[in-house]
Each structure stands twice: as structure tokens, then as C-alpha cells.
Amino acid sequence: MATDPANRRQTTRFLLLYALAVAGGAIAYVPFLTILLPIQVTGMAGDRDVTWLAYATFAGALAASAANIFFGWLSDRSAVRRPWIIGGLVWSCALLVGFAYITDVVWLIAWLVLWQMGLNMMLSALAAWAGDTIPDRQKGLLGGLLAFAPAAGALSASLITLPDLADAQGRLWLVAMLVAACVLPAVLAGAPRPFPELMRDEPAPEEEPTRRPANMVVRMWLARLLIQISEAALFAFLYFWFRSVDPAMTDANVARIFSVILVASVPLALLTGHLADRYGRPFLPLAIGAAISAVGLVLMALSNSLTSAIAGYVVFGIAASTFLSLHTGQTLRILPRAKNRARDLGIFNLTNTSPSLVMPWLAIGLVPAFGFSGLFIALAACAAMAALLIASLSRPT
């Protein structure tokens, strides 16, 4: 008996291989941008390392944003994804290992821009490939599986920095090999089940109830931006805040807390995504996650001991990480046109880069006058607004 098209699902094998590939995408940039690049900049710039790292980060963010949209548009026009993924993989890995031969900080920034272009050639096509192959009824599960990516990125950073494992050049080669090992299985052997209806701009009759007006796209974009601003602010200032609560707090302790949050968010995102698919409530977990994030930030603002500070951050961190993973999966549901899918995802990707432009001014304006508590209350308001933006979308589909 033929399977009802409305109930067809992508294979578990491809879903797992795709999640592994996305984890490879995170491994491609997390250890390099958070550890290897700062070390290299310090070796070149000495006392001016913070300034030059800021220049490099800013230039890289601009290049990443533009390249993600541009190469997404090209992959849309070509109507294929895998060649762009492979091309970006080769480009980015080749330039990654080439960083070992750069000895001037200006050339380092130029090389970083080129590397970001290749990396985002891969990432833009990889993100759109999920929209081409995974139906709406599995978008929640997809979001849950994507929660593995941040954890994989953090884990890879810990791995490559193990004492005596590799020198500076060897670390770059190790990252490149890990990325290739994660990305290539899905591209070469994933064999996804085809879903021609996902490539149509006009929905089939059974899909019409899940289609949303254009303002829904705007609300989803703004909600993610607001949560990302909160995440970016905490990522930048978390260590300083913990030290203000308890001067004995070390960077190693902060790193352990961060790792616990990433690991804990994975099973929660998987369970929540599965339930969202099962009960046809794709946006309800997003609204709840944003609301709990706001609660966590309020707890942080009110904390007066290290224990309460850690508790508040754990609440925020797990809720926000789960929100972002599930949001990525559900974004594919609401994009208006399949023929512009990768380009539109590139525009959504701006929510990942633009918070770095907003967050410093927010902190400068609030922390000197109101302390970290004032900053956290402002961030809680951002998270609460994100919850309100999505709450009206949380009806059954």
C-alpha cells in the first residue's frame, strides 16, 4: 500500500547524518574563533591583541553575513545544495590550515575574511538542504537534533586544546579533519528521501493550514534577534559578572557551567521537539522557552549569592539554548518561497551576527549606571518581548 503523502517522513538515517553535518559546521568555527584565532592574534599583536581581535571579529562578521546571503542566493539559483556544501568545505578547510603560515596581522584579517566566505558557502547550502528534504511534521525533531551542534563545537574546542595533543599547526589540521569527517557522510551517503512538495512555492492543499502570513516571518526574525542579544551579552560579560558576585570564581568553573548547560539542553530540545511534532504545536515551545529565559534573567538580576547566580544562569542558558535550536528547525517551516530558501535563511542568519553590534552599547549604557542587574533586567525585557512575539503563533496547526 502506498504511503499517504501527508504522513511521509524523512529517514532517521538521513536526519542523524544531517545533524552530524551541522555539528561539523559548528566544529568548523567554534574552536577556531574562540581559542585558536585569539592565540594567533596575541602572538602577532602583543599588547594590542584585544584591538586587533576586535577588528578581525568585526571584519569576519561582516564577511560571514554577506557571504551567507550571497552563496545562499547562488545555491537557490542553481537548485542544488551538495556541490556548494562540498565546495565550501574544501575552500574553508584549505584556508583554515593556511592560517598557520600567516605571520602578519593585517594579512590574517584578510585571510579570515576569505575563510568566512568559504565557510558560509558551506553553511548556507547546508541549512537550506534541511528545508529541501525534511517535511514540516519533522521540523521539531530536526530542531532537537540541531542542539547537538553547539555541544559538539564546545567539545571539539576542549579536545584540540588537550595538552601535548598537537602544536598550533596540528590543531588546525585536526579541526579540518573533524569537520570533513562530520560533513561528508551526509553529503556523500545520506541519500535523503525526496519530497518534491517541499520545492514548490505554492503549497499543496494538505499543507495550506501550516502556511503563515509575511508578518510571521518578521516576528520569528525579531524574536530570535532578541534572544541572541541576550545570549551575546552574557557570553561577553558572564565571567565578569560571576567575579563581581564571588571574586573566587575562576574561568574554568565558568567553562564547566557553560558545558553543563549545552549538554543538558540536548535531551530537553529533543524531547520538546518530538512533542511539538506529535501534538502539532510547533511554536508553543518557542514561546515557553523565551518566557523561561526571561525568568532566568530576572533571577540573575535578583541574585545575591553565587548559588543563586548560577541557578539563574542555568535556567536562562538551558531555556535559551533549547529555544535557538528549535527556532532553527521551525524557521524552515515559515519561509515564504522555496526558490529563495537559502537566501532567506541568510537573512535570518543576520540575527546571529548583528547582536555583536548592539550588545556593547547596551552594556556601556546600563552597567556603569545600574550595574549588571540593570543589564539583566533589560535583557529579560528582550526575552519577554520575544515570548510575546511568538505567543500568538502558538496555536494548533
Protein backbone atom coordinates (compact mmCIF):
# COMPACT_ATOMS: atom_id res chain seq x y z
CA MET A 1 0.00 0.00 0.00
CA ALA A 2 1.34 3.44 -0.92
CA THR A 3 2.21 5.76 1.93
CA ASP A 4 -0.09 8.74 2.37
CA PRO A 5 1.95 11.78 1.16
CA ALA A 6 0.70 13.75 4.16
CA ASN A 7 2.32 11.20 6.51
CA ARG A 8 5.60 10.58 4.68
CA ARG A 9 8.71 11.19 6.75
CA GLN A 10 12.39 11.58 6.11
CA THR A 11 14.51 8.61 7.10
CA THR A 12 16.04 8.52 10.57
CA ARG A 13 19.37 7.72 8.94
CA PHE A 14 19.43 10.97 6.99
CA LEU A 15 18.23 13.00 9.97
CA LEU A 16 21.11 11.69 12.08
CA LEU A 17 23.67 12.21 9.32
CA TYR A 18 22.35 15.71 8.71
CA ALA A 19 22.63 16.54 12.42
CA LEU A 20 26.21 15.25 12.31
CA ALA A 21 26.93 17.52 9.33
CA VAL A 22 25.54 20.56 11.15
CA ALA A 23 27.68 19.63 14.15
CA GLY A 24 30.62 19.63 11.74
CA GLY A 25 29.66 23.15 10.73
CA ALA A 26 29.88 24.23 14.37
CA ILE A 27 33.22 22.47 14.79
CA ALA A 28 34.46 24.44 11.77
CA TYR A 29 34.27 27.77 13.58
CA VAL A 30 33.79 27.39 17.36
CA PRO A 31 37.30 26.20 18.35
CA PHE A 32 38.97 28.47 15.83
CA LEU A 33 37.14 31.69 16.65
CA THR A 34 37.07 31.17 20.42
CA ILE A 35 40.57 29.77 21.02
CA LEU A 36 42.91 29.40 18.04
CA LEU A 37 42.35 32.82 16.45
CA PRO A 38 42.79 34.79 19.72
CA ILE A 39 46.00 32.87 20.44
CA GLN A 40 47.36 33.66 16.98
CA VAL A 41 46.40 37.34 17.22
CA THR A 42 48.11 37.64 20.61
CA GLY A 43 51.27 36.12 19.17
CA MET A 44 51.31 38.70 16.37
CA ALA A 45 49.95 41.85 18.03
CA GLY A 46 51.22 41.53 21.60
CA ASP A 47 49.74 44.21 23.85
CA ARG A 48 47.37 45.36 21.09
CA ASP A 49 45.80 41.92 20.75
CA VAL A 50 42.36 42.97 22.02
CA THR A 51 42.14 45.81 19.50
CA TRP A 52 43.24 43.69 16.56
CA LEU A 53 40.99 40.82 17.61
CA ALA A 54 38.06 43.27 17.65
CA TYR A 55 38.95 44.38 14.11
CA ALA A 56 39.24 40.77 12.98
CA THR A 57 35.95 39.77 14.61
CA PHE A 58 34.11 42.72 13.08
CA ALA A 59 35.50 42.10 9.58
CA GLY A 60 34.77 38.39 9.87
CA ALA A 61 31.18 39.00 10.99
CA LEU A 62 30.54 41.31 8.03
CA ALA A 63 32.06 38.80 5.61
CA ALA A 64 30.06 35.94 7.12
CA SER A 65 26.77 37.84 6.88
CA ALA A 66 27.30 38.90 3.26
CA ALA A 67 28.67 35.54 2.12
CA ASN A 68 25.83 33.58 3.72
CA ILE A 69 23.24 35.59 1.81
CA PHE A 70 25.22 35.67 -1.46
CA PHE A 71 26.09 31.97 -1.62
CA GLY A 72 22.61 31.10 -0.41
CA TRP A 73 21.23 33.04 -3.36
CA LEU A 74 23.60 31.22 -5.73
CA SER A 75 22.57 27.81 -4.41
CA ASP A 76 18.91 28.82 -4.81
CA ARG A 77 19.54 29.79 -8.43
CA SER A 78 21.38 26.53 -9.15
CA ALA A 79 18.65 24.47 -7.39
CA VAL A 80 21.30 22.15 -5.91
CA ARG A 81 22.92 22.11 -2.47
CA ARG A 82 25.53 19.38 -2.27
CA PRO A 83 28.07 20.87 -4.71
CA TRP A 84 28.02 24.11 -2.72
CA ILE A 85 28.46 22.22 0.55
CA ILE A 86 31.44 20.29 -0.81
CA GLY A 87 32.94 23.39 -2.43
CA GLY A 88 32.62 25.39 0.77
CA LEU A 89 34.05 22.51 2.80
CA VAL A 90 37.15 22.28 0.61
CA TRP A 91 37.56 26.08 0.49
CA SER A 92 37.18 26.64 4.23
CA CYS A 93 39.32 23.69 5.31
CA ALA A 94 42.12 24.64 2.90
CA LEU A 95 42.18 28.20 4.21
CA LEU A 96 41.88 27.01 7.80
CA VAL A 97 45.13 25.07 7.66
CA GLY A 98 46.66 28.02 5.79
CA PHE A 99 46.34 30.21 8.88
CA ALA A 100 49.47 28.50 10.19
CA TYR A 101 51.53 30.27 7.51
CA ILE A 102 50.21 33.82 8.15
CA THR A 103 52.68 35.99 10.04
CA ASP A 104 51.19 39.49 9.69
CA VAL A 105 48.04 40.58 11.49
CA VAL A 106 46.68 42.58 8.54
CA TRP A 107 47.05 39.58 6.25
CA LEU A 108 45.47 37.49 8.98
CA ILE A 109 42.31 39.61 8.83
CA ALA A 110 42.23 39.38 5.02
CA TRP A 111 42.67 35.60 5.24
CA LEU A 112 39.92 35.46 7.85
CA VAL A 113 37.51 37.24 5.50
CA LEU A 114 38.28 34.73 2.73
CA TRP A 115 37.86 31.83 5.16
CA GLN A 116 34.50 33.17 6.32
CA MET A 117 33.36 33.31 2.70
CA GLY A 118 34.20 29.66 2.11
CA LEU A 119 32.73 28.58 5.44
CA ASN A 120 29.44 30.34 4.73
CA MET A 121 29.28 28.86 1.25
CA MET A 122 29.06 25.52 3.04
CA LEU A 123 26.82 26.62 5.90
CA SER A 124 24.23 28.43 3.76
CA ALA A 125 23.67 25.45 1.47
CA LEU A 126 23.72 23.02 4.40
CA ALA A 127 20.99 24.95 6.23
CA ALA A 128 18.77 25.15 3.14
CA TRP A 129 19.23 21.44 2.44
CA ALA A 130 17.13 20.67 5.51
CA GLY A 131 14.28 22.74 4.10
CA ASP A 132 14.53 20.80 0.83
CA THR A 133 14.44 17.37 2.44
CA ILE A 134 12.73 17.42 5.86
CA PRO A 135 8.94 17.89 5.99
CA ASP A 136 7.16 20.19 8.43
CA ARG A 137 5.93 17.25 10.51
CA GLN A 138 9.56 16.54 11.49
CA LYS A 139 10.77 20.11 12.00
CA GLY A 140 10.53 19.81 15.79
CA LEU A 141 12.68 16.68 15.81
CA LEU A 142 15.10 18.44 13.48
CA GLY A 143 15.39 21.35 15.90
CA GLY A 144 16.08 18.95 18.75
CA LEU A 145 18.83 17.21 16.80
CA LEU A 146 20.40 20.56 15.96
CA ALA A 147 21.01 21.09 19.69
CA PHE A 148 23.96 18.71 19.32
CA ALA A 149 25.84 21.27 17.20
CA PRO A 150 26.77 23.80 19.93
CA ALA A 151 27.75 20.95 22.26
CA ALA A 152 29.93 19.44 19.52
CA GLY A 153 31.60 22.80 18.94
CA ALA A 154 32.41 23.22 22.62
CA LEU A 155 33.58 19.61 22.90
CA SER A 156 35.89 19.99 19.91
CA ALA A 157 37.43 23.10 21.47
CA SER A 158 38.20 21.08 24.59
CA LEU A 159 39.61 18.21 22.52
CA ILE A 160 42.05 20.16 20.38
CA THR A 161 43.46 22.01 23.38
CA LEU A 162 44.38 18.86 25.30
CA PRO A 163 48.00 19.15 26.47
CA ASP A 164 50.58 17.61 24.11
CA LEU A 165 47.92 16.55 21.58
CA ALA A 166 49.06 18.85 18.77
CA ASP A 167 51.03 22.02 18.08
CA ALA A 168 49.44 25.16 16.60
CA GLN A 169 49.53 23.87 13.02
CA GLY A 170 48.42 20.41 14.08
CA ARG A 171 45.37 21.86 15.82
CA LEU A 172 44.24 23.48 12.57
CA TRP A 173 44.64 20.20 10.69
CA LEU A 174 42.78 18.38 13.44
CA VAL A 175 39.83 20.79 13.19
CA ALA A 176 39.77 20.46 9.40
CA MET A 177 39.73 16.66 9.61
CA LEU A 178 36.96 16.66 12.21
CA VAL A 179 34.84 18.95 10.02
CA ALA A 180 35.32 16.77 6.95
CA ALA A 181 34.56 13.60 8.93
CA CYS A 182 31.26 15.09 10.13
CA VAL A 183 30.05 16.78 6.94
CA LEU A 184 30.96 14.30 4.21
CA PRO A 185 28.86 11.28 5.34
CA ALA A 186 25.59 13.17 4.87
CA VAL A 187 26.67 14.68 1.56
CA LEU A 188 28.12 11.51 0.04
CA ALA A 189 25.97 8.78 1.61
CA GLY A 190 22.94 10.49 3.14
CA ALA A 191 20.58 9.55 0.28
CA PRO A 192 17.63 11.62 1.57
CA ARG A 193 14.14 10.58 0.58
CA PRO A 194 12.83 13.10 -2.00
CA PHE A 195 9.97 15.44 -1.10
CA PRO A 196 9.01 17.29 -4.30
CA GLU A 197 6.30 19.23 -2.47
CA LEU A 198 8.97 20.96 -0.37
CA MET A 199 10.41 22.52 -3.52
CA ARG A 200 7.12 24.10 -4.60
CA ASP A 201 6.40 27.74 -3.92
CA GLU A 202 2.67 27.02 -3.93
CA PRO A 203 1.62 24.67 -1.10
CA ALA A 204 -0.32 21.51 -1.68
CA PRO A 205 -3.88 21.53 -0.26
CA GLU A 206 -2.93 19.45 2.77
CA GLU A 207 -0.13 21.92 3.60
CA GLU A 208 -2.16 25.13 3.44
CA PRO A 209 -3.05 25.28 7.18
CA THR A 210 0.66 25.49 8.11
CA ARG A 211 1.37 28.47 5.85
CA ARG A 212 1.70 31.80 7.60
CA PRO A 213 1.45 35.45 6.56
CA ALA A 214 4.55 37.56 5.98
CA ASN A 215 4.36 39.24 9.39
CA MET A 216 5.00 35.85 10.97
CA VAL A 217 8.43 35.77 9.32
CA VAL A 218 9.16 39.21 10.77
CA ARG A 219 8.04 38.13 14.25
CA MET A 220 10.17 34.99 14.14
CA TRP A 221 13.18 37.04 12.98
CA LEU A 222 12.74 39.64 15.73
CA ALA A 223 12.19 37.00 18.41
CA ARG A 224 15.43 35.25 17.53
CA LEU A 225 17.29 38.56 17.42
CA LEU A 226 16.08 39.47 20.92
CA ILE A 227 17.17 36.14 22.39
CA GLN A 228 20.50 36.32 20.57
CA ILE A 229 21.16 39.78 22.02
CA SER A 230 20.68 38.31 25.49
CA GLU A 231 22.96 35.36 24.68
CA ALA A 232 25.67 37.60 23.20
CA ALA A 233 25.66 39.90 26.22
CA LEU A 234 26.02 37.02 28.65
CA PHE A 235 28.69 35.36 26.51
CA ALA A 236 30.75 38.56 26.65
CA PHE A 237 30.22 39.58 30.27
CA LEU A 238 29.36 36.36 32.14
CA TYR A 239 32.83 35.88 33.60
CA PHE A 240 33.00 39.48 34.85
CA TRP A 241 29.54 39.17 36.43
CA PHE A 242 30.37 35.94 38.22
CA ARG A 243 33.56 37.54 39.53
CA SER A 244 31.54 40.51 40.81
CA VAL A 245 29.33 38.09 42.75
CA ASP A 246 32.23 35.95 44.01
CA PRO A 247 35.84 37.00 43.30
CA ALA A 248 36.94 33.39 43.80
CA MET A 249 35.09 32.31 40.64
CA THR A 250 37.54 31.01 38.02
CA ASP A 251 37.36 30.82 34.24
CA ALA A 252 37.49 27.01 34.49
CA ASN A 253 34.37 26.99 36.68
CA VAL A 254 32.54 29.24 34.22
CA ALA A 255 33.53 26.92 31.36
CA ARG A 256 32.20 23.90 33.26
CA ILE A 257 28.86 25.61 33.90
CA PHE A 258 28.63 26.50 30.21
CA SER A 259 29.35 22.88 29.23
CA VAL A 260 26.67 21.56 31.61
CA ILE A 261 24.12 23.89 30.03
CA LEU A 262 24.97 22.77 26.48
CA VAL A 263 24.78 19.09 27.42
CA ALA A 264 21.53 19.48 29.39
CA SER A 265 19.84 21.36 26.54
CA VAL A 266 20.29 18.47 24.09
CA PRO A 267 17.82 15.93 25.61
CA LEU A 268 15.41 18.73 26.50
CA ALA A 269 15.43 20.03 22.92
CA LEU A 270 14.95 16.51 21.54
CA LEU A 271 12.00 15.80 23.85
CA THR A 272 10.40 19.19 23.27
CA GLY A 273 10.83 18.96 19.51
CA HIS A 274 9.31 15.48 19.45
CA LEU A 275 6.29 16.63 21.46
CA ALA A 276 5.86 19.68 19.23
CA ASP A 277 5.69 17.39 16.18
CA ARG A 278 3.40 14.90 17.87
CA TYR A 279 0.82 17.43 19.04
CA GLY A 280 1.10 19.85 16.14
CA ARG A 281 2.23 22.81 18.30
CA PRO A 282 5.44 23.92 16.58
CA PHE A 283 5.64 27.40 18.09
CA LEU A 284 4.43 26.82 21.65
CA PRO A 285 7.84 25.53 22.87
CA LEU A 286 9.46 28.66 21.44
CA ALA A 287 7.15 30.96 23.37
CA ILE A 288 7.67 28.95 26.57
CA GLY A 289 11.44 28.85 26.07
CA ALA A 290 11.64 32.62 25.59
CA ALA A 291 9.47 33.20 28.67
CA ILE A 292 11.63 30.91 30.83
CA SER A 293 14.72 32.71 29.51
CA ALA A 294 13.23 35.96 30.81
CA VAL A 295 12.61 34.34 34.20
CA GLY A 296 16.23 33.17 34.36
CA LEU A 297 17.49 36.68 33.61
CA VAL A 298 15.29 38.14 36.36
CA LEU A 299 16.68 35.55 38.78
CA MET A 300 20.18 36.62 37.77
CA ALA A 301 19.32 40.29 38.34
CA LEU A 302 17.99 39.50 41.83
CA SER A 303 20.74 37.07 42.87
CA ASN A 304 22.88 37.96 45.88
CA SER A 305 24.96 34.79 46.17
CA LEU A 306 26.98 32.59 43.86
CA THR A 307 24.47 29.74 44.22
CA SER A 308 21.51 31.87 43.17
CA ALA A 309 23.58 33.44 40.38
CA ILE A 310 24.49 30.04 38.95
CA ALA A 311 20.89 28.83 39.29
CA GLY A 312 19.57 31.84 37.38
CA TYR A 313 22.13 31.41 34.62
CA VAL A 314 21.41 27.69 34.28
CA VAL A 315 17.68 28.43 33.89
CA PHE A 316 18.40 31.06 31.24
CA GLY A 317 21.09 29.06 29.46
CA ILE A 318 19.11 25.83 29.05
CA ALA A 319 15.93 27.65 28.01
CA ALA A 320 17.73 29.92 25.52
CA SER A 321 19.78 27.08 24.01
CA THR A 322 16.64 24.99 23.55
CA PHE A 323 14.81 27.98 22.04
CA LEU A 324 17.55 28.64 19.49
CA SER A 325 17.81 25.00 18.39
CA LEU A 326 14.05 24.59 17.95
CA HIS A 327 13.75 28.02 16.32
CA THR A 328 16.23 26.97 13.63
CA GLY A 329 14.08 23.98 12.71
CA GLN A 330 10.80 25.90 12.72
CA THR A 331 12.23 28.77 10.66
CA LEU A 332 12.27 26.41 7.68
CA ARG A 333 8.51 25.97 8.13
CA ILE A 334 7.63 29.64 7.69
CA LEU A 335 9.89 30.84 4.87
CA PRO A 336 7.57 32.03 2.08
CA ARG A 337 9.27 30.68 -1.07
CA ALA A 338 11.26 27.51 -1.66
CA LYS A 339 13.15 29.09 -4.56
CA ASN A 340 14.62 31.70 -2.18
CA ARG A 341 15.10 29.40 0.80
CA ALA A 342 18.88 29.68 1.24
CA ARG A 343 18.89 33.43 0.63
CA ASP A 344 16.13 33.95 3.20
CA LEU A 345 17.98 31.78 5.71
CA GLY A 346 20.98 34.04 5.13
CA ILE A 347 18.82 36.99 6.15
CA PHE A 348 17.78 35.07 9.27
CA ASN A 349 21.48 34.44 9.89
CA LEU A 350 21.87 38.18 10.49
CA THR A 351 20.29 37.54 13.89
CA ASN A 352 23.45 35.57 14.77
CA THR A 353 25.91 38.32 13.77
CA SER A 354 24.14 41.65 14.37
CA PRO A 355 23.80 41.25 18.20
CA SER A 356 27.56 41.80 18.42
CA LEU A 357 26.94 45.32 17.10
CA VAL A 358 24.11 46.07 19.56
CA MET A 359 25.27 44.38 22.75
CA PRO A 360 28.36 46.52 23.58
CA TRP A 361 26.34 49.75 23.54
CA LEU A 362 23.65 48.18 25.69
CA ALA A 363 26.26 47.18 28.26
CA ILE A 364 28.07 50.53 28.16
CA GLY A 365 24.81 52.39 28.67
CA LEU A 366 23.49 50.26 31.54
CA VAL A 367 26.27 48.61 33.55
CA PRO A 368 28.08 51.78 34.76
CA ALA A 369 24.81 53.36 35.92
CA PHE A 370 22.74 50.38 37.09
CA GLY A 371 25.22 47.53 37.45
CA PHE A 372 24.79 44.08 35.96
CA SER A 373 21.31 43.87 37.50
CA GLY A 374 20.16 46.71 35.25
CA LEU A 375 21.60 44.95 32.20
CA PHE A 376 19.88 41.67 33.09
CA ILE A 377 16.51 43.38 33.58
CA ALA A 378 16.86 44.95 30.12
CA LEU A 379 17.77 41.56 28.65
CA ALA A 380 14.81 39.98 30.47
CA ALA A 381 12.57 42.54 28.77
CA CYS A 382 14.07 41.49 25.42
CA ALA A 383 13.34 37.81 26.14
CA ALA A 384 9.81 38.64 27.32
CA MET A 385 9.17 40.55 24.09
CA ALA A 386 10.40 37.51 22.14
CA ALA A 387 7.89 35.34 24.02
CA LEU A 388 5.06 37.76 23.23
CA LEU A 389 6.01 37.92 19.55
CA ILE A 390 5.67 34.15 19.22
CA ALA A 391 2.84 33.55 21.69
CA SER A 392 0.11 34.41 19.19
CA LEU A 393 1.57 31.84 16.77
CA SER A 394 1.34 29.01 19.31
CA ARG A 395 -1.99 27.63 18.22
CA PRO A 396 -2.53 24.12 16.82
CA THR A 397 -1.66 23.59 13.15
